[in-house]
Amino acid sequence: MVDIEALTETYQILKQYIPAKDRQEAADNLMSAMTDMLSDQDLKELSGVDSALTRAFKEYASIDEETEYEDE
């Protein structure tokens, strides 16, 4: 199980080394990787760390909703 606090702290440390222009892509990739490891509630909590993760979560949530509609 992934510890959200440890993941948040790690992300905060590493994002200092990511150029601002690349942070959204990094957040998108992190969110994509975490979808298989975290619950939706944990993903939502992670998304509150910064605006890039918030956007990445909203994108994930909209894709997830589209998939649900296609399955029905």
N, C-alpha and C. Protein backbone atom coordinates (compact mmCIF):
# COMPACT_ATOMS: atom_id res chain seq x y z
N MET A 1 0.84 -1.18 0.00
CA MET A 1 0.00 0.00 0.00
C MET A 1 0.88 1.25 0.00
N VAL A 2 0.46 2.24 -0.73
CA VAL A 2 1.22 3.47 -0.86
C VAL A 2 0.79 4.45 0.22
N ASP A 3 1.76 5.04 0.89
CA ASP A 3 1.49 6.04 1.92
C ASP A 3 1.36 7.40 1.23
N ILE A 4 0.19 8.00 1.30
CA ILE A 4 -0.08 9.27 0.62
C ILE A 4 0.84 10.37 1.14
N GLU A 5 1.08 10.41 2.43
CA GLU A 5 1.95 11.46 2.97
C GLU A 5 3.37 11.34 2.43
N ALA A 6 3.89 10.12 2.34
CA ALA A 6 5.23 9.91 1.80
C ALA A 6 5.26 10.26 0.32
N LEU A 7 4.22 9.89 -0.40
CA LEU A 7 4.14 10.21 -1.83
C LEU A 7 4.08 11.71 -2.04
N THR A 8 3.28 12.40 -1.24
CA THR A 8 3.16 13.85 -1.33
C THR A 8 4.50 14.53 -1.06
N GLU A 9 5.17 14.10 -0.02
CA GLU A 9 6.47 14.69 0.32
C GLU A 9 7.49 14.44 -0.78
N THR A 10 7.49 13.23 -1.32
CA THR A 10 8.42 12.90 -2.41
C THR A 10 8.14 13.76 -3.63
N TYR A 11 6.86 13.92 -3.99
CA TYR A 11 6.49 14.75 -5.12
C TYR A 11 6.95 16.19 -4.91
N GLN A 12 6.72 16.73 -3.72
CA GLN A 12 7.13 18.11 -3.42
C GLN A 12 8.64 18.30 -3.57
N ILE A 13 9.41 17.31 -3.14
CA ILE A 13 10.86 17.39 -3.26
C ILE A 13 11.27 17.33 -4.72
N LEU A 14 10.75 16.36 -5.44
CA LEU A 14 11.17 16.15 -6.82
C LEU A 14 10.72 17.26 -7.76
N LYS A 15 9.58 17.87 -7.50
CA LYS A 15 9.09 18.90 -8.42
C LYS A 15 10.00 20.13 -8.44
N GLN A 16 10.81 20.30 -7.41
CA GLN A 16 11.78 21.39 -7.41
C GLN A 16 12.79 21.25 -8.54
N TYR A 17 13.00 20.03 -8.99
CA TYR A 17 14.00 19.74 -10.01
C TYR A 17 13.39 19.62 -11.41
N ILE A 18 12.09 19.80 -11.50
CA ILE A 18 11.40 19.72 -12.79
C ILE A 18 11.14 21.14 -13.26
N PRO A 19 11.60 21.49 -14.46
CA PRO A 19 11.33 22.84 -14.98
C PRO A 19 9.82 23.11 -15.00
N ALA A 20 9.44 24.33 -14.72
CA ALA A 20 8.02 24.70 -14.63
C ALA A 20 7.26 24.28 -15.88
N LYS A 21 7.88 24.39 -17.04
CA LYS A 21 7.18 24.06 -18.29
C LYS A 21 6.88 22.57 -18.41
N ASP A 22 7.55 21.72 -17.63
CA ASP A 22 7.38 20.27 -17.69
C ASP A 22 6.58 19.71 -16.52
N ARG A 23 6.18 20.55 -15.59
CA ARG A 23 5.51 20.05 -14.38
C ARG A 23 4.15 19.44 -14.64
N GLN A 24 3.38 20.00 -15.58
CA GLN A 24 2.07 19.43 -15.85
C GLN A 24 2.21 18.03 -16.43
N GLU A 25 3.15 17.85 -17.34
CA GLU A 25 3.36 16.53 -17.91
C GLU A 25 3.81 15.54 -16.83
N ALA A 26 4.67 15.99 -15.93
CA ALA A 26 5.12 15.13 -14.83
C ALA A 26 3.94 14.75 -13.93
N ALA A 27 3.08 15.71 -13.63
CA ALA A 27 1.90 15.45 -12.80
C ALA A 27 0.95 14.49 -13.50
N ASP A 28 0.76 14.67 -14.80
CA ASP A 28 -0.11 13.77 -15.57
C ASP A 28 0.43 12.34 -15.52
N ASN A 29 1.73 12.21 -15.70
CA ASN A 29 2.35 10.87 -15.67
C ASN A 29 2.25 10.24 -14.29
N LEU A 30 2.47 11.03 -13.25
CA LEU A 30 2.36 10.50 -11.89
C LEU A 30 0.93 10.04 -11.62
N MET A 31 -0.04 10.87 -11.98
CA MET A 31 -1.44 10.51 -11.74
C MET A 31 -1.78 9.24 -12.51
N SER A 32 -1.32 9.13 -13.73
CA SER A 32 -1.58 7.93 -14.53
C SER A 32 -0.99 6.69 -13.86
N ALA A 33 0.22 6.80 -13.36
CA ALA A 33 0.87 5.66 -12.70
C ALA A 33 0.16 5.30 -11.39
N MET A 34 -0.35 6.29 -10.69
CA MET A 34 -0.95 6.05 -9.38
C MET A 34 -2.37 5.51 -9.47
N THR A 35 -3.01 5.61 -10.62
CA THR A 35 -4.40 5.14 -10.73
C THR A 35 -4.54 3.65 -10.44
N ASP A 36 -3.50 2.88 -10.69
CA ASP A 36 -3.55 1.44 -10.41
C ASP A 36 -3.16 1.11 -8.98
N MET A 37 -2.58 2.07 -8.28
CA MET A 37 -2.07 1.81 -6.92
C MET A 37 -2.89 2.45 -5.82
N LEU A 38 -3.67 3.47 -6.16
CA LEU A 38 -4.39 4.23 -5.14
C LEU A 38 -5.90 4.17 -5.39
N SER A 39 -6.64 4.32 -4.32
CA SER A 39 -8.09 4.43 -4.44
C SER A 39 -8.44 5.80 -5.00
N ASP A 40 -9.66 5.96 -5.45
CA ASP A 40 -10.09 7.27 -5.95
C ASP A 40 -9.99 8.33 -4.85
N GLN A 41 -10.30 7.96 -3.62
CA GLN A 41 -10.19 8.91 -2.51
C GLN A 41 -8.74 9.34 -2.30
N ASP A 42 -7.81 8.40 -2.37
CA ASP A 42 -6.39 8.73 -2.22
C ASP A 42 -5.90 9.59 -3.39
N LEU A 43 -6.37 9.29 -4.59
CA LEU A 43 -6.01 10.11 -5.75
C LEU A 43 -6.51 11.54 -5.57
N LYS A 44 -7.71 11.67 -5.04
CA LYS A 44 -8.27 13.00 -4.80
C LYS A 44 -7.43 13.74 -3.76
N GLU A 45 -7.01 13.03 -2.72
CA GLU A 45 -6.16 13.65 -1.70
C GLU A 45 -4.83 14.10 -2.30
N LEU A 46 -4.24 13.26 -3.12
CA LEU A 46 -2.98 13.59 -3.78
C LEU A 46 -3.15 14.80 -4.69
N SER A 47 -4.31 14.92 -5.31
CA SER A 47 -4.54 16.02 -6.25
C SER A 47 -4.53 17.38 -5.57
N GLY A 48 -4.72 17.41 -4.27
CA GLY A 48 -4.73 18.67 -3.55
C GLY A 48 -3.37 19.26 -3.29
N VAL A 49 -2.32 18.58 -3.70
CA VAL A 49 -0.95 19.04 -3.43
C VAL A 49 -0.63 20.32 -4.19
N ASP A 50 -0.97 20.37 -5.47
CA ASP A 50 -0.73 21.58 -6.26
C ASP A 50 -1.66 21.61 -7.47
N SER A 51 -1.60 22.71 -8.20
CA SER A 51 -2.54 22.89 -9.32
C SER A 51 -2.29 21.90 -10.46
N ALA A 52 -1.05 21.50 -10.68
CA ALA A 52 -0.75 20.54 -11.74
C ALA A 52 -1.39 19.19 -11.43
N LEU A 53 -1.30 18.73 -10.20
CA LEU A 53 -1.93 17.46 -9.83
C LEU A 53 -3.45 17.58 -9.83
N THR A 54 -3.96 18.75 -9.47
CA THR A 54 -5.41 18.97 -9.53
C THR A 54 -5.91 18.82 -10.96
N ARG A 55 -5.21 19.44 -11.92
CA ARG A 55 -5.60 19.31 -13.33
C ARG A 55 -5.47 17.87 -13.79
N ALA A 56 -4.40 17.20 -13.38
CA ALA A 56 -4.20 15.80 -13.78
C ALA A 56 -5.33 14.93 -13.23
N PHE A 57 -5.75 15.17 -11.99
CA PHE A 57 -6.84 14.39 -11.40
C PHE A 57 -8.16 14.65 -12.13
N LYS A 58 -8.43 15.91 -12.45
CA LYS A 58 -9.66 16.24 -13.16
C LYS A 58 -9.69 15.54 -14.51
N GLU A 59 -8.56 15.49 -15.19
CA GLU A 59 -8.48 14.79 -16.47
C GLU A 59 -8.73 13.30 -16.27
N TYR A 60 -8.10 12.71 -15.25
CA TYR A 60 -8.32 11.30 -14.94
C TYR A 60 -9.79 11.05 -14.63
N ALA A 61 -10.40 11.90 -13.82
CA ALA A 61 -11.80 11.71 -13.43
C ALA A 61 -12.72 11.81 -14.64
N SER A 62 -12.44 12.72 -15.55
CA SER A 62 -13.31 12.85 -16.73
C SER A 62 -13.15 11.64 -17.65
N ILE A 63 -11.96 11.10 -17.78
CA ILE A 63 -11.74 9.90 -18.58
C ILE A 63 -12.45 8.72 -17.93
N ASP A 64 -12.37 8.62 -16.61
CA ASP A 64 -13.01 7.54 -15.88
C ASP A 64 -14.53 7.59 -16.08
N GLU A 65 -15.11 8.79 -16.05
CA GLU A 65 -16.55 8.93 -16.26
C GLU A 65 -16.93 8.52 -17.68
N GLU A 66 -16.12 8.91 -18.67
CA GLU A 66 -16.40 8.53 -20.06
C GLU A 66 -16.38 7.02 -20.22
N THR A 67 -15.45 6.35 -19.56
CA THR A 67 -15.34 4.91 -19.64
C THR A 67 -16.58 4.25 -19.03
N GLU A 68 -17.08 4.80 -17.92
CA GLU A 68 -18.28 4.25 -17.30
C GLU A 68 -19.47 4.34 -18.24
N TYR A 69 -19.62 5.48 -18.93
CA TYR A 69 -20.74 5.66 -19.86
C TYR A 69 -20.62 4.70 -21.03
N GLU A 70 -19.42 4.47 -21.52
CA GLU A 70 -19.22 3.56 -22.63
C GLU A 70 -19.54 2.12 -22.23
N ASP A 71 -19.27 1.75 -20.98
CA ASP A 71 -19.54 0.42 -20.50
C ASP A 71 -21.04 0.14 -20.37
N GLU A 72 -21.82 1.17 -20.15
CA GLU A 72 -23.27 1.02 -19.97
C GLU A 72 -23.89 0.90 -21.29
